[in-house]
């Protein structure tokens, strides 16, 4: 029974995190880093791999994934979709890591904090 409650709790936490990350996803105009992401991701995949931008914080795989998503359209929300998906998945990964290290209660607390974090 406790396992069911834990699964339900992490499911609700994930829904909260996804909801907060998708709310008004395309509301704000593009920021500087998003403009750079758009410029790089709009180029050909071979160019993305062989001539990456000077920003070492973002690996070429991110730009390649964003490139494939931008083929669906050029809305601001689509540009932010990749970050929203991986940001939402990071809640689950953070929960699993904390659960293995510190127990399920601490995993749920950490996942909740990460779900409501504005960053």
PDB file of N, CA and C in Angstrom:
ATOM      1  N   UNK A   1       0.812  -1.200   0.000  1.00  0.00           N
ATOM      2  CA  UNK A   1       0.000   0.000   0.000  1.00  0.00           C
ATOM      3  C   UNK A   1       0.852   1.259   0.000  1.00  0.00           C
ATOM      4  N   UNK A   2       1.937   1.242   0.754  1.00  0.00           N
ATOM      5  CA  UNK A   2       2.808   2.418   0.809  1.00  0.00           C
ATOM      6  C   UNK A   2       3.439   2.682  -0.547  1.00  0.00           C
ATOM      7  N   UNK A   3       3.719   1.628  -1.303  1.00  0.00           N
ATOM      8  CA  UNK A   3       4.310   1.775  -2.627  1.00  0.00           C
ATOM      9  C   UNK A   3       3.340   2.478  -3.568  1.00  0.00           C
ATOM     10  N   UNK A   4       2.055   2.159  -3.453  1.00  0.00           N
ATOM     11  CA  UNK A   4       1.036   2.819  -4.284  1.00  0.00           C
ATOM     12  C   UNK A   4       0.956   4.307  -3.965  1.00  0.00           C
ATOM     13  N   UNK A   5       1.022   4.631  -2.694  1.00  0.00           N
ATOM     14  CA  UNK A   5       0.970   6.041  -2.296  1.00  0.00           C
ATOM     15  C   UNK A   5       2.188   6.791  -2.829  1.00  0.00           C
ATOM     16  N   UNK A   6       3.337   6.138  -2.791  1.00  0.00           N
ATOM     17  CA  UNK A   6       4.558   6.764  -3.299  1.00  0.00           C
ATOM     18  C   UNK A   6       4.457   6.996  -4.807  1.00  0.00           C
ATOM     19  N   UNK A   7       3.942   6.016  -5.536  1.00  0.00           N
ATOM     20  CA  UNK A   7       3.780   6.155  -6.988  1.00  0.00           C
ATOM     21  C   UNK A   7       2.767   7.254  -7.307  1.00  0.00           C
ATOM     22  N   UNK A   8       1.673   7.296  -6.559  1.00  0.00           N
ATOM     23  CA  UNK A   8       0.673   8.342  -6.761  1.00  0.00           C
ATOM     24  C   UNK A   8       1.261   9.715  -6.450  1.00  0.00           C
ATOM     25  N   UNK A   9       2.032   9.805  -5.381  1.00  0.00           N
ATOM     26  CA  UNK A   9       2.637  11.079  -4.997  1.00  0.00           C
ATOM     27  C   UNK A   9       3.598  11.580  -6.071  1.00  0.00           C
ATOM     28  N   UNK A  10       4.482  10.723  -6.589  1.00  0.00           N
ATOM     29  CA  UNK A  10       5.426  11.184  -7.603  1.00  0.00           C
ATOM     30  C   UNK A  10       4.687  11.512  -8.894  1.00  0.00           C
ATOM     31  N   UNK A  11       3.610  10.792  -9.193  1.00  0.00           N
ATOM     32  CA  UNK A  11       2.800  11.103 -10.365  1.00  0.00           C
ATOM     33  C   UNK A  11       2.180  12.495 -10.246  1.00  0.00           C
ATOM     34  N   UNK A  12       1.632  12.807  -9.071  1.00  0.00           N
ATOM     35  CA  UNK A  12       1.037  14.135  -8.858  1.00  0.00           C
ATOM     36  C   UNK A  12       2.098  15.232  -8.882  1.00  0.00           C
ATOM     37  N   UNK A  13       3.261  14.947  -8.333  1.00  0.00           N
ATOM     38  CA  UNK A  13       4.362  15.915  -8.367  1.00  0.00           C
ATOM     39  C   UNK A  13       4.793  16.168  -9.809  1.00  0.00           C
ATOM     40  N   UNK A  14       4.880  15.109 -10.606  1.00  0.00           N
ATOM     41  CA  UNK A  14       5.233  15.267 -12.022  1.00  0.00           C
ATOM     42  C   UNK A  14       4.178  16.080 -12.765  1.00  0.00           C
ATOM     43  N   UNK A  15       2.906  15.817 -12.489  1.00  0.00           N
ATOM     44  CA  UNK A  15       1.842  16.607 -13.117  1.00  0.00           C
ATOM     45  C   UNK A  15       1.952  18.081 -12.743  1.00  0.00           C
ATOM     46  N   UNK A  16       2.246  18.349 -11.480  1.00  0.00           N
ATOM     47  CA  UNK A  16       2.436  19.722 -11.037  1.00  0.00           C
ATOM     48  C   UNK A  16       3.598  20.371 -11.782  1.00  0.00           C
ATOM     49  N   UNK A  17       4.718  19.671 -11.853  1.00  0.00           N
ATOM     50  CA  UNK A  17       5.895  20.217 -12.536  1.00  0.00           C
ATOM     51  C   UNK A  17       5.648  20.446 -14.011  1.00  0.00           C
ATOM     52  N   UNK A  18       4.988  19.501 -14.671  1.00  0.00           N
ATOM     53  CA  UNK A  18       4.686  19.661 -16.093  1.00  0.00           C
ATOM     54  C   UNK A  18       3.710  20.817 -16.299  1.00  0.00           C
ATOM     55  N   UNK A  19       2.717  20.901 -15.437  1.00  0.00           N
ATOM     56  CA  UNK A  19       1.750  21.998 -15.542  1.00  0.00           C
ATOM     57  C   UNK A  19       2.396  23.358 -15.380  1.00  0.00           C
ATOM     58  N   UNK A  20       3.275  23.488 -14.393  1.00  0.00           N
ATOM     59  CA  UNK A  20       3.947  24.770 -14.185  1.00  0.00           C
ATOM     60  C   UNK A  20       4.909  25.105 -15.331  1.00  0.00           C
ATOM     61  N   UNK A  21       5.492  24.085 -15.942  1.00  0.00           N
ATOM     62  CA  UNK A  21       6.431  24.324 -17.042  1.00  0.00           C
ATOM     63  C   UNK A  21       5.728  24.617 -18.363  1.00  0.00           C
ATOM     64  N   UNK A  22       4.497  24.137 -18.527  1.00  0.00           N
ATOM     65  CA  UNK A  22       3.785  24.396 -19.779  1.00  0.00           C
ATOM     66  C   UNK A  22       2.898  25.627 -19.715  1.00  0.00           C
ATOM     67  N   UNK A  23       2.582  26.098 -18.527  1.00  0.00           N
ATOM     68  CA  UNK A  23       1.726  27.270 -18.381  1.00  0.00           C
ATOM     69  C   UNK A  23       2.406  28.479 -19.019  1.00  0.00           C
ATOM     70  N   UNK A  24       1.745  29.047 -19.987  1.00  0.00           N
ATOM     71  CA  UNK A  24       2.241  30.232 -20.700  1.00  0.00           C
ATOM     72  C   UNK A  24       3.634  29.993 -21.288  1.00  0.00           C
ATOM     73  N   UNK A  25       3.815  28.853 -21.902  1.00  0.00           N
ATOM     74  CA  UNK A  25       5.111  28.467 -22.463  1.00  0.00           C
ATOM     75  C   UNK A  25       5.573  29.434 -23.547  1.00  0.00           C
ATOM     76  N   UNK A  26       4.668  29.929 -24.363  1.00  0.00           N
ATOM     77  CA  UNK A  26       5.046  30.846 -25.434  1.00  0.00           C
ATOM     78  C   UNK A  26       4.673  32.281 -25.157  1.00  0.00           C
ATOM     79  N   UNK A  27       4.463  32.634 -23.893  1.00  0.00           N
ATOM     80  CA  UNK A  27       3.966  33.968 -23.547  1.00  0.00           C
ATOM     81  C   UNK A  27       5.017  35.055 -23.723  1.00  0.00           C
ATOM     82  N   UNK A  28       6.195  34.852 -23.165  1.00  0.00           N
ATOM     83  CA  UNK A  28       7.229  35.883 -23.236  1.00  0.00           C
ATOM     84  C   UNK A  28       7.931  35.845 -24.585  1.00  0.00           C
ATOM     85  N   UNK A  29       8.489  36.983 -24.959  1.00  0.00           N
ATOM     86  CA  UNK A  29       9.286  37.003 -26.184  1.00  0.00           C
ATOM     87  C   UNK A  29      10.607  36.281 -25.934  1.00  0.00           C
ATOM     88  N   UNK A  30      11.331  36.011 -26.996  1.00  0.00           N
ATOM     89  CA  UNK A  30      12.566  35.239 -26.881  1.00  0.00           C
ATOM     90  C   UNK A  30      13.653  36.000 -26.135  1.00  0.00           C
ATOM     91  N   UNK A  31      14.412  35.285 -25.346  1.00  0.00           N
ATOM     92  CA  UNK A  31      15.559  35.841 -24.653  1.00  0.00           C
ATOM     93  C   UNK A  31      16.790  35.623 -25.517  1.00  0.00           C
ATOM     94  N   UNK A  32      17.910  36.222 -25.119  1.00  0.00           N
ATOM     95  CA  UNK A  32      19.132  36.141 -25.929  1.00  0.00           C
ATOM     96  C   UNK A  32      19.567  34.704 -26.184  1.00  0.00           C
ATOM     97  N   UNK A  33      19.584  33.870 -25.156  1.00  0.00           N
ATOM     98  CA  UNK A  33      20.021  32.484 -25.341  1.00  0.00           C
ATOM     99  C   UNK A  33      19.062  31.701 -26.232  1.00  0.00           C
ATOM    100  N   UNK A  34      17.785  32.052 -26.196  1.00  0.00           N
ATOM    101  CA  UNK A  34      16.822  31.375 -27.056  1.00  0.00           C
ATOM    102  C   UNK A  34      16.981  31.797 -28.518  1.00  0.00           C
ATOM    103  N   UNK A  35      17.356  33.024 -28.736  1.00  0.00           N
ATOM    104  CA  UNK A  35      17.631  33.482 -30.101  1.00  0.00           C
ATOM    105  C   UNK A  35      18.836  32.730 -30.659  1.00  0.00           C
ATOM    106  N   UNK A  36      19.862  32.565 -29.846  1.00  0.00           N
ATOM    107  CA  UNK A  36      21.046  31.801 -30.273  1.00  0.00           C
ATOM    108  C   UNK A  36      20.661  30.352 -30.536  1.00  0.00           C
ATOM    109  N   UNK A  37      19.839  29.769 -29.665  1.00  0.00           N
ATOM    110  CA  UNK A  37      19.381  28.397 -29.867  1.00  0.00           C
ATOM    111  C   UNK A  37      18.619  28.280 -31.177  1.00  0.00           C
ATOM    112  N   UNK A  38      17.772  29.258 -31.468  1.00  0.00           N
ATOM    113  CA  UNK A  38      17.022  29.232 -32.726  1.00  0.00           C
ATOM    114  C   UNK A  38      17.960  29.326 -33.927  1.00  0.00           C
ATOM    115  N   UNK A  39      18.920  30.232 -33.862  1.00  0.00           N
ATOM    116  CA  UNK A  39      19.858  30.397 -34.978  1.00  0.00           C
ATOM    117  C   UNK A  39      20.654  29.122 -35.227  1.00  0.00           C
ATOM    118  N   UNK A  40      21.177  28.538 -34.167  1.00  0.00           N
ATOM    119  CA  UNK A  40      21.987  27.323 -34.316  1.00  0.00           C
ATOM    120  C   UNK A  40      21.118  26.159 -34.768  1.00  0.00           C
ATOM    121  N   UNK A  41      19.951  26.004 -34.165  1.00  0.00           N
ATOM    122  CA  UNK A  41      19.079  24.867 -34.476  1.00  0.00           C
ATOM    123  C   UNK A  41      18.464  24.967 -35.867  1.00  0.00           C
ATOM    124  N   UNK A  42      18.413  26.150 -36.424  1.00  0.00           N
ATOM    125  CA  UNK A  42      17.852  26.330 -37.759  1.00  0.00           C
ATOM    126  C   UNK A  42      18.826  25.934 -38.855  1.00  0.00           C
ATOM    127  N   UNK A  43      20.086  25.796 -38.522  1.00  0.00           N
ATOM    128  CA  UNK A  43      21.059  25.402 -39.536  1.00  0.00           C
ATOM    129  C   UNK A  43      20.979  23.891 -39.786  1.00  0.00           C
ATOM    130  N   UNK A  44      21.728  23.435 -40.753  1.00  0.00           N
ATOM    131  CA  UNK A  44      21.721  22.016 -41.117  1.00  0.00           C
ATOM    132  C   UNK A  44      22.352  21.170 -39.998  1.00  0.00           C
ATOM    133  N   UNK A  45      21.878  19.932 -39.807  1.00  0.00           N
ATOM    134  CA  UNK A  45      22.423  19.070 -38.742  1.00  0.00           C
ATOM    135  C   UNK A  45      23.947  18.885 -38.835  1.00  0.00           C
ATOM    136  N   UNK A  46      24.458  18.745 -40.046  1.00  0.00           N
ATOM    137  CA  UNK A  46      25.904  18.563 -40.195  1.00  0.00           C
ATOM    138  C   UNK A  46      26.661  19.795 -39.689  1.00  0.00           C
ATOM    139  N   UNK A  47      26.116  20.961 -39.944  1.00  0.00           N
ATOM    140  CA  UNK A  47      26.735  22.197 -39.478  1.00  0.00           C
ATOM    141  C   UNK A  47      26.678  22.292 -37.957  1.00  0.00           C
ATOM    142  N   UNK A  48      25.585  21.833 -37.377  1.00  0.00           N
ATOM    143  CA  UNK A  48      25.452  21.854 -35.913  1.00  0.00           C
ATOM    144  C   UNK A  48      26.535  20.993 -35.269  1.00  0.00           C
ATOM    145  N   UNK A  49      26.811  19.842 -35.859  1.00  0.00           N
ATOM    146  CA  UNK A  49      27.782  18.912 -35.283  1.00  0.00           C
ATOM    147  C   UNK A  49      29.214  19.366 -35.540  1.00  0.00           C
ATOM    148  N   UNK A  50      29.490  19.803 -36.757  1.00  0.00           N
ATOM    149  CA  UNK A  50      30.878  20.126 -37.116  1.00  0.00           C
ATOM    150  C   UNK A  50      31.298  21.533 -36.738  1.00  0.00           C
ATOM    151  N   UNK A  51      30.342  22.446 -36.591  1.00  0.00           N
ATOM    152  CA  UNK A  51      30.678  23.836 -36.272  1.00  0.00           C
ATOM    153  C   UNK A  51      29.796  24.331 -35.126  1.00  0.00           C
ATOM    154  N   UNK A  52      29.969  23.752 -33.919  1.00  0.00           N
ATOM    155  CA  UNK A  52      29.107  24.150 -32.804  1.00  0.00           C
ATOM    156  C   UNK A  52      29.442  25.573 -32.346  1.00  0.00           C
ATOM    157  N   UNK A  53      28.480  26.226 -31.705  1.00  0.00           N
ATOM    158  CA  UNK A  53      28.748  27.574 -31.192  1.00  0.00           C
ATOM    159  C   UNK A  53      29.772  27.527 -30.056  1.00  0.00           C
ATOM    160  N   UNK A  54      30.263  28.667 -29.677  1.00  0.00           N
ATOM    161  CA  UNK A  54      31.292  28.753 -28.636  1.00  0.00           C
ATOM    162  C   UNK A  54      30.761  28.446 -27.241  1.00  0.00           C
ATOM    163  N   UNK A  55      29.467  28.330 -27.076  1.00  0.00           N
ATOM    164  CA  UNK A  55      28.872  28.051 -25.769  1.00  0.00           C
ATOM    165  C   UNK A  55      29.092  26.577 -25.420  1.00  0.00           C
ATOM    166  N   UNK A  56      29.987  26.309 -24.507  1.00  0.00           N
ATOM    167  CA  UNK A  56      30.306  24.927 -24.143  1.00  0.00           C
ATOM    168  C   UNK A  56      29.291  24.343 -23.173  1.00  0.00           C
ATOM    169  N   UNK A  57      28.351  25.150 -22.682  1.00  0.00           N
ATOM    170  CA  UNK A  57      27.350  24.660 -21.736  1.00  0.00           C
ATOM    171  C   UNK A  57      26.234  23.876 -22.414  1.00  0.00           C
ATOM    172  N   UNK A  58      26.074  24.044 -23.721  1.00  0.00           N
ATOM    173  CA  UNK A  58      24.998  23.362 -24.435  1.00  0.00           C
ATOM    174  C   UNK A  58      25.616  22.444 -25.475  1.00  0.00           C
ATOM    175  N   UNK A  59      25.434  21.128 -25.314  1.00  0.00           N
ATOM    176  CA  UNK A  59      26.025  20.186 -26.267  1.00  0.00           C
ATOM    177  C   UNK A  59      25.251  20.164 -27.587  1.00  0.00           C
ATOM    178  N   UNK A  60      25.892  19.704 -28.650  1.00  0.00           N
ATOM    179  CA  UNK A  60      25.236  19.690 -29.971  1.00  0.00           C
ATOM    180  C   UNK A  60      23.965  18.849 -30.018  1.00  0.00           C
ATOM    181  N   UNK A  61      23.852  17.819 -29.180  1.00  0.00           N
ATOM    182  CA  UNK A  61      22.650  16.991 -29.199  1.00  0.00           C
ATOM    183  C   UNK A  61      21.399  17.812 -28.885  1.00  0.00           C
ATOM    184  N   UNK A  62      21.503  18.771 -27.990  1.00  0.00           N
ATOM    185  CA  UNK A  62      20.367  19.641 -27.668  1.00  0.00           C
ATOM    186  C   UNK A  62      19.915  20.394 -28.911  1.00  0.00           C
ATOM    187  N   UNK A  63      20.872  20.940 -29.651  1.00  0.00           N
ATOM    188  CA  UNK A  63      20.537  21.678 -30.864  1.00  0.00           C
ATOM    189  C   UNK A  63      19.950  20.755 -31.928  1.00  0.00           C
ATOM    190  N   UNK A  64      20.450  19.526 -32.012  1.00  0.00           N
ATOM    191  CA  UNK A  64      19.913  18.580 -32.990  1.00  0.00           C
ATOM    192  C   UNK A  64      18.472  18.197 -32.658  1.00  0.00           C
ATOM    193  N   UNK A  65      18.193  17.984 -31.381  1.00  0.00           N
ATOM    194  CA  UNK A  65      16.820  17.669 -30.969  1.00  0.00           C
ATOM    195  C   UNK A  65      15.910  18.860 -31.238  1.00  0.00           C
ATOM    196  N   UNK A  66      16.379  20.058 -30.897  1.00  0.00           N
ATOM    197  CA  UNK A  66      15.593  21.267 -31.146  1.00  0.00           C
ATOM    198  C   UNK A  66      15.381  21.467 -32.647  1.00  0.00           C
ATOM    199  N   UNK A  67      16.387  21.146 -33.435  1.00  0.00           N
ATOM    200  CA  UNK A  67      16.269  21.243 -34.894  1.00  0.00           C
ATOM    201  C   UNK A  67      15.115  20.374 -35.394  1.00  0.00           C
ATOM    202  N   UNK A  68      15.011  19.154 -34.887  1.00  0.00           N
ATOM    203  CA  UNK A  68      13.938  18.265 -35.334  1.00  0.00           C
ATOM    204  C   UNK A  68      12.569  18.748 -34.857  1.00  0.00           C
ATOM    205  N   UNK A  69      12.506  19.357 -33.673  1.00  0.00           N
ATOM    206  CA  UNK A  69      11.233  19.893 -33.177  1.00  0.00           C
ATOM    207  C   UNK A  69      10.824  21.116 -33.985  1.00  0.00           C
ATOM    208  N   UNK A  70      11.782  21.941 -34.379  1.00  0.00           N
ATOM    209  CA  UNK A  70      11.463  23.149 -35.148  1.00  0.00           C
ATOM    210  C   UNK A  70      10.932  22.830 -36.540  1.00  0.00           C
ATOM    211  N   UNK A  71      11.077  21.610 -36.981  1.00  0.00           N
ATOM    212  CA  UNK A  71      10.508  21.221 -38.269  1.00  0.00           C
ATOM    213  C   UNK A  71       8.985  21.192 -38.206  1.00  0.00           C
ATOM    214  N   UNK A  72       8.422  21.149 -37.002  1.00  0.00           N
ATOM    215  CA  UNK A  72       6.969  21.170 -36.822  1.00  0.00           C
ATOM    216  C   UNK A  72       6.399  22.570 -37.000  1.00  0.00           C
ATOM    217  N   UNK A  73       7.226  23.591 -36.833  1.00  0.00           N
ATOM    218  CA  UNK A  73       6.809  24.976 -36.937  1.00  0.00           C
ATOM    219  C   UNK A  73       7.830  25.866 -36.266  1.00  0.00           C
ATOM    220  N   UNK A  74       7.582  27.160 -36.314  1.00  0.00           N
ATOM    221  CA  UNK A  74       8.550  28.086 -35.741  1.00  0.00           C
ATOM    222  C   UNK A  74       7.945  28.932 -34.619  1.00  0.00           C
ATOM    223  N   UNK A  75       7.056  28.346 -33.832  1.00  0.00           N
ATOM    224  CA  UNK A  75       6.486  29.060 -32.698  1.00  0.00           C
ATOM    225  C   UNK A  75       7.487  29.084 -31.545  1.00  0.00           C
ATOM    226  N   UNK A  76       7.373  30.103 -30.718  1.00  0.00           N
ATOM    227  CA  UNK A  76       8.243  30.209 -29.548  1.00  0.00           C
ATOM    228  C   UNK A  76       8.040  29.029 -28.610  1.00  0.00           C
ATOM    229  N   UNK A  77       6.802  28.564 -28.499  1.00  0.00           N
ATOM    230  CA  UNK A  77       6.538  27.438 -27.594  1.00  0.00           C
ATOM    231  C   UNK A  77       7.232  26.167 -28.075  1.00  0.00           C
ATOM    232  N   UNK A  78       7.345  25.966 -29.386  1.00  0.00           N
ATOM    233  CA  UNK A  78       8.059  24.790 -29.892  1.00  0.00           C
ATOM    234  C   UNK A  78       9.555  24.889 -29.615  1.00  0.00           C
ATOM    235  N   UNK A  79      10.088  26.095 -29.674  1.00  0.00           N
ATOM    236  CA  UNK A  79      11.499  26.286 -29.365  1.00  0.00           C
ATOM    237  C   UNK A  79      11.786  25.928 -27.909  1.00  0.00           C
ATOM    238  N   UNK A  80      10.837  26.192 -27.044  1.00  0.00           N
ATOM    239  CA  UNK A  80      11.013  25.914 -25.617  1.00  0.00           C
ATOM    240  C   UNK A  80      10.562  24.510 -25.221  1.00  0.00           C
ATOM    241  N   UNK A  81       9.963  23.773 -26.141  1.00  0.00           N
ATOM    242  CA  UNK A  81       9.406  22.461 -25.839  1.00  0.00           C
ATOM    243  C   UNK A  81      10.461  21.466 -25.373  1.00  0.00           C
ATOM    244  N   UNK A  82      11.616  21.451 -26.013  1.00  0.00           N
ATOM    245  CA  UNK A  82      12.666  20.499 -25.647  1.00  0.00           C
ATOM    246  C   UNK A  82      13.118  20.734 -24.208  1.00  0.00           C
ATOM    247  N   UNK A  83      13.340  21.983 -23.851  1.00  0.00           N
ATOM    248  CA  UNK A  83      13.749  22.302 -22.478  1.00  0.00           C
ATOM    249  C   UNK A  83      12.654  21.950 -21.484  1.00  0.00           C
ATOM    250  N   UNK A  84      11.400  22.156 -21.875  1.00  0.00           N
ATOM    251  CA  UNK A  84      10.291  21.823 -20.989  1.00  0.00           C
ATOM    252  C   UNK A  84      10.224  20.317 -20.748  1.00  0.00           C
ATOM    253  N   UNK A  85      10.418  19.525 -21.788  1.00  0.00           N
ATOM    254  CA  UNK A  85      10.357  18.064 -21.642  1.00  0.00           C
ATOM    255  C   UNK A  85      11.493  17.567 -20.752  1.00  0.00           C
ATOM    256  N   UNK A  86      12.722  18.002 -21.048  1.00  0.00           N
ATOM    257  CA  UNK A  86      13.849  17.530 -20.243  1.00  0.00           C
ATOM    258  C   UNK A  86      13.805  18.099 -18.827  1.00  0.00           C
ATOM    259  N   UNK A  87      13.288  19.308 -18.668  1.00  0.00           N
ATOM    260  CA  UNK A  87      13.122  19.858 -17.326  1.00  0.00           C
ATOM    261  C   UNK A  87      12.111  19.068 -16.518  1.00  0.00           C
ATOM    262  N   UNK A  88      11.062  18.615 -17.165  1.00  0.00           N
ATOM    263  CA  UNK A  88      10.056  17.797 -16.484  1.00  0.00           C
ATOM    264  C   UNK A  88      10.603  16.409 -16.149  1.00  0.00           C
ATOM    265  N   UNK A  89      11.352  15.826 -17.062  1.00  0.00           N
ATOM    266  CA  UNK A  89      11.960  14.516 -16.793  1.00  0.00           C
ATOM    267  C   UNK A  89      13.002  14.587 -15.683  1.00  0.00           C
ATOM    268  N   UNK A  90      13.626  15.742 -15.531  1.00  0.00           N
ATOM    269  CA  UNK A  90      14.634  15.875 -14.478  1.00  0.00           C
ATOM    270  C   UNK A  90      14.011  15.760 -13.087  1.00  0.00           C
ATOM    271  N   UNK A  91      12.740  16.079 -12.958  1.00  0.00           N
ATOM    272  CA  UNK A  91      12.046  15.912 -11.676  1.00  0.00           C
ATOM    273  C   UNK A  91      12.050  14.432 -11.290  1.00  0.00           C
ATOM    274  N   UNK A  92      11.707  13.579 -12.243  1.00  0.00           N
ATOM    275  CA  UNK A  92      11.679  12.141 -11.993  1.00  0.00           C
ATOM    276  C   UNK A  92      13.079  11.599 -11.704  1.00  0.00           C
ATOM    277  N   UNK A  93      14.060  12.034 -12.464  1.00  0.00           N
ATOM    278  CA  UNK A  93      15.438  11.568 -12.248  1.00  0.00           C
ATOM    279  C   UNK A  93      15.935  12.015 -10.874  1.00  0.00           C
ATOM    280  N   UNK A  94      15.649  13.254 -10.499  1.00  0.00           N
ATOM    281  CA  UNK A  94      16.056  13.770  -9.193  1.00  0.00           C
ATOM    282  C   UNK A  94      15.408  12.961  -8.073  1.00  0.00           C
ATOM    283  N   UNK A  95      14.125  12.630  -8.246  1.00  0.00           N
ATOM    284  CA  UNK A  95      13.425  11.809  -7.266  1.00  0.00           C
ATOM    285  C   UNK A  95      14.099  10.445  -7.119  1.00  0.00           C
ATOM    286  N   UNK A  96      14.403   9.802  -8.241  1.00  0.00           N
ATOM    287  CA  UNK A  96      15.000   8.472  -8.200  1.00  0.00           C
ATOM    288  C   UNK A  96      16.373   8.482  -7.531  1.00  0.00           C
ATOM    289  N   UNK A  97      17.171   9.493  -7.820  1.00  0.00           N
ATOM    290  CA  UNK A  97      18.494   9.599  -7.202  1.00  0.00           C
ATOM    291  C   UNK A  97      18.357   9.815  -5.699  1.00  0.00           C
ATOM    292  N   UNK A  98      17.512  10.761  -5.303  1.00  0.00           N
ATOM    293  CA  UNK A  98      17.334  11.024  -3.873  1.00  0.00           C
ATOM    294  C   UNK A  98      16.722   9.830  -3.144  1.00  0.00           C
ATOM    295  N   UNK A  99      15.792   9.154  -3.782  1.00  0.00           N
ATOM    296  CA  UNK A  99      15.176   7.980  -3.152  1.00  0.00           C
ATOM    297  C   UNK A  99      16.218   6.900  -2.889  1.00  0.00           C
ATOM    298  N   UNK A 100      17.111   6.684  -3.836  1.00  0.00           N
ATOM    299  CA  UNK A 100      18.150   5.664  -3.654  1.00  0.00           C
ATOM    300  C   UNK A 100      19.171   6.068  -2.601  1.00  0.00           C
ATOM    301  N   UNK A 101      19.472   7.346  -2.497  1.00  0.00           N
ATOM    302  CA  UNK A 101      20.476   7.803  -1.531  1.00  0.00           C
ATOM    303  C   UNK A 101      19.910   8.065  -0.146  1.00  0.00           C
ATOM    304  N   UNK A 102      18.743   8.729  -0.109  1.00  0.00           N
ATOM    305  CA  UNK A 102      18.245   9.231   1.169  1.00  0.00           C
ATOM    306  C   UNK A 102      16.871   8.705   1.576  1.00  0.00           C
ATOM    307  N   UNK A 103      16.259   7.869   0.769  1.00  0.00           N
ATOM    308  CA  UNK A 103      14.953   7.324   1.109  1.00  0.00           C
ATOM    309  C   UNK A 103      13.833   7.995   0.325  1.00  0.00           C
ATOM    310  N   UNK A 104      12.676   7.342   0.339  1.00  0.00           N
ATOM    311  CA  UNK A 104      11.570   7.812  -0.499  1.00  0.00           C
ATOM    312  C   UNK A 104      10.975   9.139  -0.025  1.00  0.00           C
ATOM    313  N   UNK A 105      10.917   9.382   1.282  1.00  0.00           N
ATOM    314  CA  UNK A 105      10.370  10.661   1.763  1.00  0.00           C
ATOM    315  C   UNK A 105      11.222  11.828   1.291  1.00  0.00           C
ATOM    316  N   UNK A 106      12.533  11.700   1.421  1.00  0.00           N
ATOM    317  CA  UNK A 106      13.412  12.766   0.960  1.00  0.00           C
ATOM    318  C   UNK A 106      13.362  12.902  -0.560  1.00  0.00           C
ATOM    319  N   UNK A 107      13.168  11.800  -1.264  1.00  0.00           N
ATOM    320  CA  UNK A 107      13.014  11.851  -2.712  1.00  0.00           C
ATOM    321  C   UNK A 107      11.786  12.633  -3.117  1.00  0.00           C
ATOM    322  N   UNK A 108      10.685  12.398  -2.414  1.00  0.00           N
ATOM    323  CA  UNK A 108       9.450  13.126  -2.716  1.00  0.00           C
ATOM    324  C   UNK A 108       9.575  14.609  -2.374  1.00  0.00           C
ATOM    325  N   UNK A 109      10.233  14.916  -1.269  1.00  0.00           N
ATOM    326  CA  UNK A 109      10.431  16.322  -0.900  1.00  0.00           C
ATOM    327  C   UNK A 109      11.305  17.024  -1.933  1.00  0.00           C
ATOM    328  N   UNK A 110      12.392  16.390  -2.324  1.00  0.00           N
ATOM    329  CA  UNK A 110      13.281  16.978  -3.325  1.00  0.00           C
ATOM    330  C   UNK A 110      12.595  17.153  -4.665  1.00  0.00           C
ATOM    331  N   UNK A 111      11.800  16.162  -5.077  1.00  0.00           N
ATOM    332  CA  UNK A 111      11.076  16.261  -6.348  1.00  0.00           C
ATOM    333  C   UNK A 111      10.050  17.391  -6.302  1.00  0.00           C
ATOM    334  N   UNK A 112       9.395  17.566  -5.154  1.00  0.00           N
ATOM    335  CA  UNK A 112       8.431  18.657  -5.013  1.00  0.00           C
ATOM    336  C   UNK A 112       9.112  20.007  -5.124  1.00  0.00           C
ATOM    337  N   UNK A 113      10.238  20.158  -4.453  1.00  0.00           N
ATOM    338  CA  UNK A 113      10.989  21.417  -4.534  1.00  0.00           C
ATOM    339  C   UNK A 113      11.431  21.686  -5.970  1.00  0.00           C
ATOM    340  N   UNK A 114      11.893  20.645  -6.639  1.00  0.00           N
ATOM    341  CA  UNK A 114      12.322  20.821  -8.029  1.00  0.00           C
ATOM    342  C   UNK A 114      11.134  21.122  -8.940  1.00  0.00           C
ATOM    343  N   UNK A 115       9.988  20.535  -8.672  1.00  0.00           N
ATOM    344  CA  UNK A 115       8.811  20.767  -9.503  1.00  0.00           C
ATOM    345  C   UNK A 115       8.334  22.204  -9.438  1.00  0.00           C
ATOM    346  N   UNK A 116       8.432  22.836  -8.264  1.00  0.00           N
ATOM    347  CA  UNK A 116       7.946  24.214  -8.128  1.00  0.00           C
ATOM    348  C   UNK A 116       9.040  25.254  -8.305  1.00  0.00           C
ATOM    349  N   UNK A 117      10.263  24.819  -8.517  1.00  0.00           N
ATOM    350  CA  UNK A 117      11.376  25.746  -8.699  1.00  0.00           C
ATOM    351  C   UNK A 117      11.200  26.544  -9.990  1.00  0.00           C
ATOM    352  N   UNK A 118      11.340  27.853  -9.924  1.00  0.00           N
ATOM    353  CA  UNK A 118      11.193  28.655 -11.145  1.00  0.00           C
ATOM    354  C   UNK A 118      12.383  28.526 -12.102  1.00  0.00           C
ATOM    355  N   UNK A 119      13.434  27.906 -11.681  1.00  0.00           N
ATOM    356  CA  UNK A 119      14.607  27.771 -12.541  1.00  0.00           C
ATOM    357  C   UNK A 119      14.607  26.430 -13.209  1.00  0.00           C
TER     358      UNK A 119
END
